[in-house]
Amino acid sequence: NPDVKDFAEKAKLRFYLDHISGSKEKFLYFSRYMEALVAFHRYNGGR
């Protein structure tokens, strides 16, 4: 899906996953970031 690709690239999801490098703290920030993305998506009228 091109919309998912646009989202994943703008959110830099693969870069953030690569950056975790075994760090629990970095993974926890990634998880919080994902939650924030979903929250703002919903708030901004995501369908």
All heavy atoms as atom14 arrays in JSON, in Angstrom:
{
  "sequence": "NPDVKDFAEKAKLRFYLDHISGSKEKFLYFSRYMEALVAFHRYNGGR",
  "atom14_mask": [
    [1, 1, 1, 1, 1, 1, 1, 1, 0, 0, 0, 0, 0, 0],
    [1, 1, 1, 1, 1, 1, 1, 0, 0, 0, 0, 0, 0, 0],
    [1, 1, 1, 1, 1, 1, 1, 1, 0, 0, 0, 0, 0, 0],
    [1, 1, 1, 1, 1, 1, 1, 0, 0, 0, 0, 0, 0, 0],
    [1, 1, 1, 1, 1, 1, 1, 1, 1, 0, 0, 0, 0, 0],
    [1, 1, 1, 1, 1, 1, 1, 1, 0, 0, 0, 0, 0, 0],
    [1, 1, 1, 1, 1, 1, 1, 1, 1, 1, 1, 0, 0, 0],
    [1, 1, 1, 1, 1, 0, 0, 0, 0, 0, 0, 0, 0, 0],
    [1, 1, 1, 1, 1, 1, 1, 1, 1, 0, 0, 0, 0, 0],
    [1, 1, 1, 1, 1, 1, 1, 1, 1, 0, 0, 0, 0, 0],
    [1, 1, 1, 1, 1, 0, 0, 0, 0, 0, 0, 0, 0, 0],
    [1, 1, 1, 1, 1, 1, 1, 1, 1, 0, 0, 0, 0, 0],
    [1, 1, 1, 1, 1, 1, 1, 1, 0, 0, 0, 0, 0, 0],
    [1, 1, 1, 1, 1, 1, 1, 1, 1, 1, 1, 0, 0, 0],
    [1, 1, 1, 1, 1, 1, 1, 1, 1, 1, 1, 0, 0, 0],
    [1, 1, 1, 1, 1, 1, 1, 1, 1, 1, 1, 1, 0, 0],
    [1, 1, 1, 1, 1, 1, 1, 1, 0, 0, 0, 0, 0, 0],
    [1, 1, 1, 1, 1, 1, 1, 1, 0, 0, 0, 0, 0, 0],
    [1, 1, 1, 1, 1, 1, 1, 1, 1, 1, 0, 0, 0, 0],
    [1, 1, 1, 1, 1, 1, 1, 1, 0, 0, 0, 0, 0, 0],
    [1, 1, 1, 1, 1, 1, 0, 0, 0, 0, 0, 0, 0, 0],
    [1, 1, 1, 1, 0, 0, 0, 0, 0, 0, 0, 0, 0, 0],
    [1, 1, 1, 1, 1, 1, 0, 0, 0, 0, 0, 0, 0, 0],
    [1, 1, 1, 1, 1, 1, 1, 1, 1, 0, 0, 0, 0, 0],
    [1, 1, 1, 1, 1, 1, 1, 1, 1, 0, 0, 0, 0, 0],
    [1, 1, 1, 1, 1, 1, 1, 1, 1, 0, 0, 0, 0, 0],
    [1, 1, 1, 1, 1, 1, 1, 1, 1, 1, 1, 0, 0, 0],
    [1, 1, 1, 1, 1, 1, 1, 1, 0, 0, 0, 0, 0, 0],
    [1, 1, 1, 1, 1, 1, 1, 1, 1, 1, 1, 1, 0, 0],
    [1, 1, 1, 1, 1, 1, 1, 1, 1, 1, 1, 0, 0, 0],
    [1, 1, 1, 1, 1, 1, 0, 0, 0, 0, 0, 0, 0, 0],
    [1, 1, 1, 1, 1, 1, 1, 1, 1, 1, 1, 0, 0, 0],
    [1, 1, 1, 1, 1, 1, 1, 1, 1, 1, 1, 1, 0, 0],
    [1, 1, 1, 1, 1, 1, 1, 1, 0, 0, 0, 0, 0, 0],
    [1, 1, 1, 1, 1, 1, 1, 1, 1, 0, 0, 0, 0, 0],
    [1, 1, 1, 1, 1, 0, 0, 0, 0, 0, 0, 0, 0, 0],
    [1, 1, 1, 1, 1, 1, 1, 1, 0, 0, 0, 0, 0, 0],
    [1, 1, 1, 1, 1, 1, 1, 0, 0, 0, 0, 0, 0, 0],
    [1, 1, 1, 1, 1, 0, 0, 0, 0, 0, 0, 0, 0, 0],
    [1, 1, 1, 1, 1, 1, 1, 1, 1, 1, 1, 0, 0, 0],
    [1, 1, 1, 1, 1, 1, 1, 1, 1, 1, 0, 0, 0, 0],
    [1, 1, 1, 1, 1, 1, 1, 1, 1, 1, 1, 0, 0, 0],
    [1, 1, 1, 1, 1, 1, 1, 1, 1, 1, 1, 1, 0, 0],
    [1, 1, 1, 1, 1, 1, 1, 1, 0, 0, 0, 0, 0, 0],
    [1, 1, 1, 1, 0, 0, 0, 0, 0, 0, 0, 0, 0, 0],
    [1, 1, 1, 1, 0, 0, 0, 0, 0, 0, 0, 0, 0, 0],
    [1, 1, 1, 1, 1, 1, 1, 1, 1, 1, 1, 0, 0, 0]
  ],
  "atom14_positions": [
    [[0.82, -1.2, 0.0], [0.0, 0.0, 0.0], [0.86, 1.26, 0.0], [1.65, 1.47, 0.93], [-0.9, -0.02, 1.24], [-1.9, 1.09, 1.25], [-1.56, 2.26, 1.16], [-3.17, 0.73, 1.38], [0.0, 0.0, 0.0], [0.0, 0.0, 0.0], [0.0, 0.0, 0.0], [0.0, 0.0, 0.0], [0.0, 0.0, 0.0], [0.0, 0.0, 0.0]],
    [[0.71, 2.12, -1.0], [1.52, 3.33, -1.05], [1.28, 4.29, 0.12], [2.19, 5.03, 0.51], [1.12, 3.99, -2.37], [-0.01, 3.23, -2.93], [-0.16, 1.96, -2.16], [0.0, 0.0, 0.0], [0.0, 0.0, 0.0], [0.0, 0.0, 0.0], [0.0, 0.0, 0.0], [0.0, 0.0, 0.0], [0.0, 0.0, 0.0], [0.0, 0.0, 0.0]],
    [[0.09, 4.27, 0.7], [-0.18, 5.14, 1.86], [0.62, 4.67, 3.08], [1.11, 5.49, 3.86], [-1.67, 5.18, 2.19], [-2.48, 5.83, 1.08], [-1.96, 6.77, 0.42], [-3.63, 5.4, 0.85], [0.0, 0.0, 0.0], [0.0, 0.0, 0.0], [0.0, 0.0, 0.0], [0.0, 0.0, 0.0], [0.0, 0.0, 0.0], [0.0, 0.0, 0.0]],
    [[0.74, 3.35, 3.24], [1.55, 2.81, 4.34], [3.02, 3.14, 4.1], [3.75, 3.51, 5.03], [1.35, 1.28, 4.49], [2.3, 0.71, 5.54], [-0.09, 0.96, 4.85], [0.0, 0.0, 0.0], [0.0, 0.0, 0.0], [0.0, 0.0, 0.0], [0.0, 0.0, 0.0], [0.0, 0.0, 0.0], [0.0, 0.0, 0.0], [0.0, 0.0, 0.0]],
    [[3.46, 3.04, 2.85], [4.84, 3.36, 2.52], [5.14, 4.82, 2.84], [6.17, 5.14, 3.45], [5.13, 3.06, 1.06], [6.58, 3.29, 0.7], [6.88, 2.83, -0.71], [8.37, 2.99, -0.96], [8.79, 2.37, -2.18], [0.0, 0.0, 0.0], [0.0, 0.0, 0.0], [0.0, 0.0, 0.0], [0.0, 0.0, 0.0], [0.0, 0.0, 0.0]],
    [[4.25, 5.71, 2.45], [4.42, 7.13, 2.74], [4.53, 7.35, 4.25], [5.43, 8.05, 4.72], [3.24, 7.92, 2.16], [3.34, 9.41, 2.4], [4.38, 10.01, 2.05], [2.36, 9.99, 2.94], [0.0, 0.0, 0.0], [0.0, 0.0, 0.0], [0.0, 0.0, 0.0], [0.0, 0.0, 0.0], [0.0, 0.0, 0.0], [0.0, 0.0, 0.0]],
    [[3.63, 6.74, 4.99], [3.64, 6.86, 6.45], [4.93, 6.31, 7.05], [5.59, 6.98, 7.85], [2.42, 6.12, 7.04], [2.55, 5.82, 8.49], [2.47, 6.83, 9.44], [2.77, 4.52, 8.93], [2.61, 6.56, 10.79], [2.9, 4.24, 10.27], [2.82, 5.26, 11.21], [0.0, 0.0, 0.0], [0.0, 0.0, 0.0], [0.0, 0.0, 0.0]],
    [[5.3, 5.09, 6.68], [6.48, 4.43, 7.27], [7.76, 5.22, 6.97], [8.64, 5.32, 7.84], [6.59, 3.0, 6.77], [0.0, 0.0, 0.0], [0.0, 0.0, 0.0], [0.0, 0.0, 0.0], [0.0, 0.0, 0.0], [0.0, 0.0, 0.0], [0.0, 0.0, 0.0], [0.0, 0.0, 0.0], [0.0, 0.0, 0.0], [0.0, 0.0, 0.0]],
    [[7.84, 5.77, 5.76], [9.03, 6.55, 5.41], [9.07, 7.87, 6.16], [10.11, 8.27, 6.67], [9.1, 6.77, 3.91], [9.49, 5.51, 3.16], [9.57, 5.69, 1.65], [9.13, 6.74, 1.13], [10.08, 4.76, 1.0], [0.0, 0.0, 0.0], [0.0, 0.0, 0.0], [0.0, 0.0, 0.0], [0.0, 0.0, 0.0], [0.0, 0.0, 0.0]],
    [[7.94, 8.55, 6.23], [7.91, 9.83, 6.95], [8.15, 9.62, 8.44], [8.77, 10.46, 9.09], [6.58, 10.55, 6.7], [6.51, 11.13, 5.31], [5.19, 11.82, 5.05], [5.21, 12.44, 3.65], [3.91, 13.04, 3.32], [0.0, 0.0, 0.0], [0.0, 0.0, 0.0], [0.0, 0.0, 0.0], [0.0, 0.0, 0.0], [0.0, 0.0, 0.0]],
    [[7.66, 8.51, 8.98], [7.84, 8.21, 10.4], [9.21, 7.6, 10.67], [9.59, 7.44, 11.84], [6.75, 7.26, 10.88], [0.0, 0.0, 0.0], [0.0, 0.0, 0.0], [0.0, 0.0, 0.0], [0.0, 0.0, 0.0], [0.0, 0.0, 0.0], [0.0, 0.0, 0.0], [0.0, 0.0, 0.0], [0.0, 0.0, 0.0], [0.0, 0.0, 0.0]],
    [[9.95, 7.24, 9.61], [11.28, 6.64, 9.72], [11.25, 5.36, 10.57], [12.16, 5.09, 11.36], [12.28, 7.63, 10.31], [12.42, 8.9, 9.5], [13.39, 9.85, 10.17], [13.38, 11.19, 9.45], [14.25, 12.16, 10.09], [0.0, 0.0, 0.0], [0.0, 0.0, 0.0], [0.0, 0.0, 0.0], [0.0, 0.0, 0.0], [0.0, 0.0, 0.0]],
    [[10.21, 4.57, 10.41], [10.04, 3.39, 11.25], [11.21, 2.42, 11.15], [11.69, 1.92, 12.17], [8.73, 2.67, 10.91], [7.45, 3.46, 11.16], [6.24, 2.61, 10.84], [7.4, 3.97, 12.59], [0.0, 0.0, 0.0], [0.0, 0.0, 0.0], [0.0, 0.0, 0.0], [0.0, 0.0, 0.0], [0.0, 0.0, 0.0], [0.0, 0.0, 0.0]],
    [[11.67, 2.14, 9.93], [12.78, 1.19, 9.79], [14.07, 1.74, 10.38], [14.83, 0.99, 11.0], [12.96, 0.79, 8.33], [11.81, -0.12, 7.88], [12.07, -0.73, 6.54], [11.67, 0.21, 5.49], [12.23, 0.27, 4.29], [13.21, -0.53, 3.97], [11.8, 1.13, 3.4], [0.0, 0.0, 0.0], [0.0, 0.0, 0.0], [0.0, 0.0, 0.0]],
    [[14.32, 3.02, 10.24], [15.51, 3.61, 10.86], [15.45, 3.49, 12.38], [16.43, 3.15, 13.02], [15.68, 5.07, 10.47], [16.33, 5.27, 9.14], [15.59, 5.75, 8.08], [17.67, 4.97, 8.94], [16.18, 5.94, 6.84], [18.27, 5.16, 7.71], [17.52, 5.65, 6.65], [0.0, 0.0, 0.0], [0.0, 0.0, 0.0], [0.0, 0.0, 0.0]],
    [[14.28, 3.78, 12.95], [14.16, 3.69, 14.41], [14.3, 2.25, 14.89], [14.9, 1.99, 15.94], [12.85, 4.31, 14.89], [12.89, 5.82, 14.83], [11.93, 6.52, 14.13], [13.9, 6.54, 15.44], [11.97, 7.91, 14.05], [13.96, 7.92, 15.36], [12.99, 8.6, 14.67], [13.05, 9.97, 14.6], [0.0, 0.0, 0.0], [0.0, 0.0, 0.0]],
    [[13.79, 1.3, 14.13], [13.96, -0.1, 14.51], [15.43, -0.51, 14.42], [15.94, -1.21, 15.3], [13.1, -1.01, 13.63], [11.6, -0.96, 13.92], [10.83, -1.72, 12.86], [11.3, -1.51, 15.31], [0.0, 0.0, 0.0], [0.0, 0.0, 0.0], [0.0, 0.0, 0.0], [0.0, 0.0, 0.0], [0.0, 0.0, 0.0], [0.0, 0.0, 0.0]],
    [[16.12, -0.06, 13.39], [17.56, -0.34, 13.27], [18.35, 0.28, 14.42], [19.34, -0.27, 14.88], [18.12, 0.19, 11.94], [17.71, -0.63, 10.75], [17.29, -1.8, 10.93], [17.8, -0.11, 9.62], [0.0, 0.0, 0.0], [0.0, 0.0, 0.0], [0.0, 0.0, 0.0], [0.0, 0.0, 0.0], [0.0, 0.0, 0.0], [0.0, 0.0, 0.0]],
    [[17.91, 1.44, 14.87], [18.62, 2.18, 15.92], [18.47, 1.54, 17.3], [19.26, 1.84, 18.2], [18.1, 3.63, 15.94], [18.84, 4.53, 16.86], [20.13, 4.93, 16.64], [18.45, 5.12, 18.03], [20.51, 5.73, 17.62], [19.51, 5.85, 18.46], [0.0, 0.0, 0.0], [0.0, 0.0, 0.0], [0.0, 0.0, 0.0], [0.0, 0.0, 0.0]],
    [[17.53, 0.67, 17.48], [17.31, 0.03, 18.79], [18.56, -0.71, 19.25], [18.95, -0.62, 20.42], [16.07, -0.89, 18.76], [14.81, -0.03, 18.64], [16.02, -1.78, 19.99], [13.55, -0.79, 18.34], [0.0, 0.0, 0.0], [0.0, 0.0, 0.0], [0.0, 0.0, 0.0], [0.0, 0.0, 0.0], [0.0, 0.0, 0.0], [0.0, 0.0, 0.0]],
    [[19.18, -1.47, 18.37], [20.46, -2.15, 18.64], [20.51, -2.85, 20.0], [21.5, -2.73, 20.72], [21.62, -1.15, 18.54], [21.67, -0.56, 17.28], [0.0, 0.0, 0.0], [0.0, 0.0, 0.0], [0.0, 0.0, 0.0], [0.0, 0.0, 0.0], [0.0, 0.0, 0.0], [0.0, 0.0, 0.0], [0.0, 0.0, 0.0], [0.0, 0.0, 0.0]],
    [[19.47, -3.54, 20.36], [19.47, -4.31, 21.6], [19.17, -3.51, 22.86], [19.21, -4.05, 23.96], [0.0, 0.0, 0.0], [0.0, 0.0, 0.0], [0.0, 0.0, 0.0], [0.0, 0.0, 0.0], [0.0, 0.0, 0.0], [0.0, 0.0, 0.0], [0.0, 0.0, 0.0], [0.0, 0.0, 0.0], [0.0, 0.0, 0.0], [0.0, 0.0, 0.0]],
    [[18.85, -2.23, 22.73], [18.59, -1.38, 23.89], [17.11, -1.41, 24.26], [16.26, -1.04, 23.46], [19.02, 0.06, 23.58], [18.5, 0.95, 24.55], [0.0, 0.0, 0.0], [0.0, 0.0, 0.0], [0.0, 0.0, 0.0], [0.0, 0.0, 0.0], [0.0, 0.0, 0.0], [0.0, 0.0, 0.0], [0.0, 0.0, 0.0], [0.0, 0.0, 0.0]],
    [[16.84, -1.8, 25.49], [15.46, -1.8, 25.99], [14.89, -0.39, 25.96], [13.76, -0.17, 25.52], [15.42, -2.36, 27.4], [14.05, -2.29, 28.04], [14.08, -2.76, 29.47], [12.73, -2.58, 30.14], [12.77, -3.03, 31.54], [0.0, 0.0, 0.0], [0.0, 0.0, 0.0], [0.0, 0.0, 0.0], [0.0, 0.0, 0.0], [0.0, 0.0, 0.0]],
    [[15.67, 0.58, 26.41], [15.2, 1.96, 26.46], [14.8, 2.47, 25.08], [13.74, 3.09, 24.92], [16.28, 2.85, 27.05], [15.88, 4.31, 27.15], [16.97, 5.17, 27.73], [18.11, 5.14, 27.21], [16.68, 5.89, 28.7], [0.0, 0.0, 0.0], [0.0, 0.0, 0.0], [0.0, 0.0, 0.0], [0.0, 0.0, 0.0], [0.0, 0.0, 0.0]],
    [[15.6, 2.19, 24.07], [15.29, 2.65, 22.72], [14.04, 1.96, 22.18], [13.25, 2.58, 21.47], [16.48, 2.41, 21.79], [17.65, 3.34, 22.09], [18.82, 3.04, 21.19], [20.01, 3.92, 21.56], [21.2, 3.57, 20.76], [0.0, 0.0, 0.0], [0.0, 0.0, 0.0], [0.0, 0.0, 0.0], [0.0, 0.0, 0.0], [0.0, 0.0, 0.0]],
    [[13.87, 0.69, 22.53], [12.65, 0.02, 22.08], [11.43, 0.62, 22.77], [10.38, 0.8, 22.15], [12.69, -1.49, 22.34], [11.41, -2.14, 21.91], [11.13, -2.32, 20.56], [10.46, -2.51, 22.85], [9.92, -2.87, 20.16], [9.25, -3.05, 22.45], [8.98, -3.24, 21.11], [0.0, 0.0, 0.0], [0.0, 0.0, 0.0], [0.0, 0.0, 0.0]],
    [[11.54, 0.95, 24.04], [10.41, 1.55, 24.76], [10.04, 2.9, 24.15], [8.85, 3.2, 24.0], [10.73, 1.69, 26.25], [10.96, 0.38, 27.0], [11.31, 0.65, 28.46], [9.78, -0.55, 26.88], [0.0, 0.0, 0.0], [0.0, 0.0, 0.0], [0.0, 0.0, 0.0], [0.0, 0.0, 0.0], [0.0, 0.0, 0.0], [0.0, 0.0, 0.0]],
    [[11.03, 3.69, 23.74], [10.72, 4.96, 23.06], [10.06, 4.7, 21.71], [9.15, 5.42, 21.32], [11.97, 5.82, 22.89], [12.42, 6.46, 24.18], [13.74, 6.38, 24.58], [11.53, 7.15, 24.99], [14.16, 6.95, 25.77], [11.93, 7.72, 26.17], [13.25, 7.62, 26.57], [13.65, 8.2, 27.74], [0.0, 0.0, 0.0], [0.0, 0.0, 0.0]],
    [[10.52, 3.68, 21.0], [9.88, 3.34, 19.73], [8.41, 2.99, 19.96], [7.53, 3.43, 19.22], [10.6, 2.18, 19.03], [9.92, 1.75, 17.77], [10.11, 2.44, 16.59], [9.05, 0.66, 17.77], [9.46, 2.06, 15.42], [8.39, 0.27, 16.61], [8.59, 0.98, 15.44], [0.0, 0.0, 0.0], [0.0, 0.0, 0.0], [0.0, 0.0, 0.0]],
    [[8.14, 2.2, 20.99], [6.76, 1.81, 21.29], [5.89, 3.01, 21.64], [4.75, 3.12, 21.18], [6.73, 0.8, 22.45], [7.34, -0.39, 22.06], [0.0, 0.0, 0.0], [0.0, 0.0, 0.0], [0.0, 0.0, 0.0], [0.0, 0.0, 0.0], [0.0, 0.0, 0.0], [0.0, 0.0, 0.0], [0.0, 0.0, 0.0], [0.0, 0.0, 0.0]],
    [[6.43, 3.9, 22.43], [5.69, 5.12, 22.78], [5.45, 5.98, 21.54], [4.38, 6.59, 21.39], [6.45, 5.92, 23.83], [6.48, 5.25, 25.18], [7.29, 6.05, 26.15], [7.45, 5.34, 27.41], [8.29, 5.71, 28.35], [9.05, 6.78, 28.19], [8.39, 5.0, 29.45], [0.0, 0.0, 0.0], [0.0, 0.0, 0.0], [0.0, 0.0, 0.0]],
    [[6.44, 6.04, 20.68], [6.33, 6.78, 19.42], [5.21, 6.2, 18.57], [4.38, 6.94, 18.02], [7.68, 6.7, 18.7], [7.78, 7.36, 17.35], [7.52, 8.71, 17.17], [8.19, 6.62, 16.24], [7.66, 9.32, 15.93], [8.34, 7.22, 15.0], [8.07, 8.56, 14.85], [8.21, 9.15, 13.62], [0.0, 0.0, 0.0], [0.0, 0.0, 0.0]],
    [[5.14, 4.87, 18.48], [4.06, 4.23, 17.71], [2.7, 4.58, 18.31], [1.76, 4.88, 17.58], [4.24, 2.7, 17.7], [5.28, 2.2, 16.72], [4.99, 2.66, 15.0], [3.31, 2.14, 14.73], [0.0, 0.0, 0.0], [0.0, 0.0, 0.0], [0.0, 0.0, 0.0], [0.0, 0.0, 0.0], [0.0, 0.0, 0.0], [0.0, 0.0, 0.0]],
    [[2.59, 4.55, 19.63], [1.33, 4.92, 20.28], [0.97, 6.37, 19.97], [-0.19, 6.68, 19.71], [1.44, 4.71, 21.79], [1.49, 3.25, 22.2], [1.68, 3.08, 23.69], [1.61, 4.07, 24.45], [1.92, 1.93, 24.1], [0.0, 0.0, 0.0], [0.0, 0.0, 0.0], [0.0, 0.0, 0.0], [0.0, 0.0, 0.0], [0.0, 0.0, 0.0]],
    [[1.96, 7.25, 19.99], [1.71, 8.66, 19.69], [1.28, 8.84, 18.23], [0.38, 9.64, 17.94], [2.97, 9.49, 19.98], [0.0, 0.0, 0.0], [0.0, 0.0, 0.0], [0.0, 0.0, 0.0], [0.0, 0.0, 0.0], [0.0, 0.0, 0.0], [0.0, 0.0, 0.0], [0.0, 0.0, 0.0], [0.0, 0.0, 0.0], [0.0, 0.0, 0.0]],
    [[1.88, 8.09, 17.33], [1.48, 8.16, 15.92], [0.01, 7.77, 15.76], [-0.75, 8.45, 15.07], [2.37, 7.24, 15.06], [3.8, 7.72, 14.83], [4.67, 6.57, 14.32], [3.83, 8.9, 13.87], [0.0, 0.0, 0.0], [0.0, 0.0, 0.0], [0.0, 0.0, 0.0], [0.0, 0.0, 0.0], [0.0, 0.0, 0.0], [0.0, 0.0, 0.0]],
    [[-0.4, 6.69, 16.41], [-1.79, 6.24, 16.32], [-2.72, 7.29, 16.95], [-3.77, 7.61, 16.39], [-1.98, 4.86, 17.0], [-3.45, 4.5, 17.12], [-1.23, 3.79, 16.21], [0.0, 0.0, 0.0], [0.0, 0.0, 0.0], [0.0, 0.0, 0.0], [0.0, 0.0, 0.0], [0.0, 0.0, 0.0], [0.0, 0.0, 0.0], [0.0, 0.0, 0.0]],
    [[-2.32, 7.83, 18.08], [-3.16, 8.83, 18.76], [-3.34, 10.08, 17.89], [-4.48, 10.56, 17.72], [-2.54, 9.21, 20.1], [0.0, 0.0, 0.0], [0.0, 0.0, 0.0], [0.0, 0.0, 0.0], [0.0, 0.0, 0.0], [0.0, 0.0, 0.0], [0.0, 0.0, 0.0], [0.0, 0.0, 0.0], [0.0, 0.0, 0.0], [0.0, 0.0, 0.0]],
    [[-2.27, 10.6, 17.32], [-2.38, 11.79, 16.47], [-3.12, 11.48, 15.17], [-3.84, 12.34, 14.65], [-1.01, 12.4, 16.19], [-0.5, 13.22, 17.34], [0.58, 12.8, 18.09], [-1.12, 14.42, 17.69], [1.04, 13.54, 19.16], [-0.67, 15.17, 18.76], [0.42, 14.73, 19.5], [0.0, 0.0, 0.0], [0.0, 0.0, 0.0], [0.0, 0.0, 0.0]],
    [[-2.95, 10.27, 14.68], [-3.69, 9.87, 13.47], [-5.18, 9.94, 13.76], [-5.96, 10.51, 12.99], [-3.26, 8.46, 13.06], [-3.98, 7.93, 11.87], [-5.11, 7.14, 11.98], [-3.74, 8.08, 10.55], [-5.52, 6.83, 10.76], [-4.72, 7.38, 9.88], [0.0, 0.0, 0.0], [0.0, 0.0, 0.0], [0.0, 0.0, 0.0], [0.0, 0.0, 0.0]],
    [[-5.59, 9.38, 14.86], [-7.01, 9.37, 15.23], [-7.51, 10.79, 15.48], [-8.59, 11.18, 15.04], [-7.21, 8.5, 16.46], [-8.64, 8.24, 16.78], [-9.21, 7.33, 15.71], [-10.61, 7.13, 15.96], [-11.51, 7.0, 15.01], [-11.13, 7.03, 13.77], [-12.75, 6.82, 15.29], [0.0, 0.0, 0.0], [0.0, 0.0, 0.0], [0.0, 0.0, 0.0]],
    [[-6.74, 11.57, 16.21], [-7.1, 12.93, 16.55], [-7.27, 13.8, 15.31], [-8.13, 14.66, 15.24], [-6.05, 13.54, 17.48], [-6.33, 14.96, 17.86], [-7.26, 15.26, 18.85], [-5.65, 16.02, 17.26], [-7.53, 16.58, 19.22], [-5.91, 17.33, 17.61], [-6.85, 17.6, 18.59], [-7.1, 18.9, 18.94], [0.0, 0.0, 0.0], [0.0, 0.0, 0.0]],
    [[-6.42, 13.56, 14.31], [-6.44, 14.35, 13.07], [-7.37, 13.78, 12.01], [-7.24, 14.12, 10.84], [-5.02, 14.5, 12.52], [-4.23, 15.5, 13.31], [-4.45, 16.7, 13.22], [-3.31, 15.02, 14.12], [0.0, 0.0, 0.0], [0.0, 0.0, 0.0], [0.0, 0.0, 0.0], [0.0, 0.0, 0.0], [0.0, 0.0, 0.0], [0.0, 0.0, 0.0]],
    [[-8.28, 12.93, 12.41], [-9.3, 12.46, 11.47], [-8.89, 11.32, 10.58], [-9.43, 11.17, 9.5], [0.0, 0.0, 0.0], [0.0, 0.0, 0.0], [0.0, 0.0, 0.0], [0.0, 0.0, 0.0], [0.0, 0.0, 0.0], [0.0, 0.0, 0.0], [0.0, 0.0, 0.0], [0.0, 0.0, 0.0], [0.0, 0.0, 0.0], [0.0, 0.0, 0.0]],
    [[-7.95, 10.5, 11.06], [-7.59, 9.31, 10.3], [-8.82, 8.44, 10.11], [-9.63, 8.27, 11.02], [0.0, 0.0, 0.0], [0.0, 0.0, 0.0], [0.0, 0.0, 0.0], [0.0, 0.0, 0.0], [0.0, 0.0, 0.0], [0.0, 0.0, 0.0], [0.0, 0.0, 0.0], [0.0, 0.0, 0.0], [0.0, 0.0, 0.0], [0.0, 0.0, 0.0]],
    [[-8.97, 7.9, 8.91], [-10.18, 7.15, 8.62], [-10.09, 5.72, 9.15], [-9.02, 5.19, 9.34], [-10.46, 7.15, 7.12], [-9.41, 6.5, 6.27], [-9.74, 6.62, 4.79], [-8.67, 6.03, 4.0], [-8.6, 4.75, 3.69], [-9.5, 3.92, 4.11], [-7.57, 4.29, 2.97], [0.0, 0.0, 0.0], [0.0, 0.0, 0.0], [0.0, 0.0, 0.0]]
  ]
}
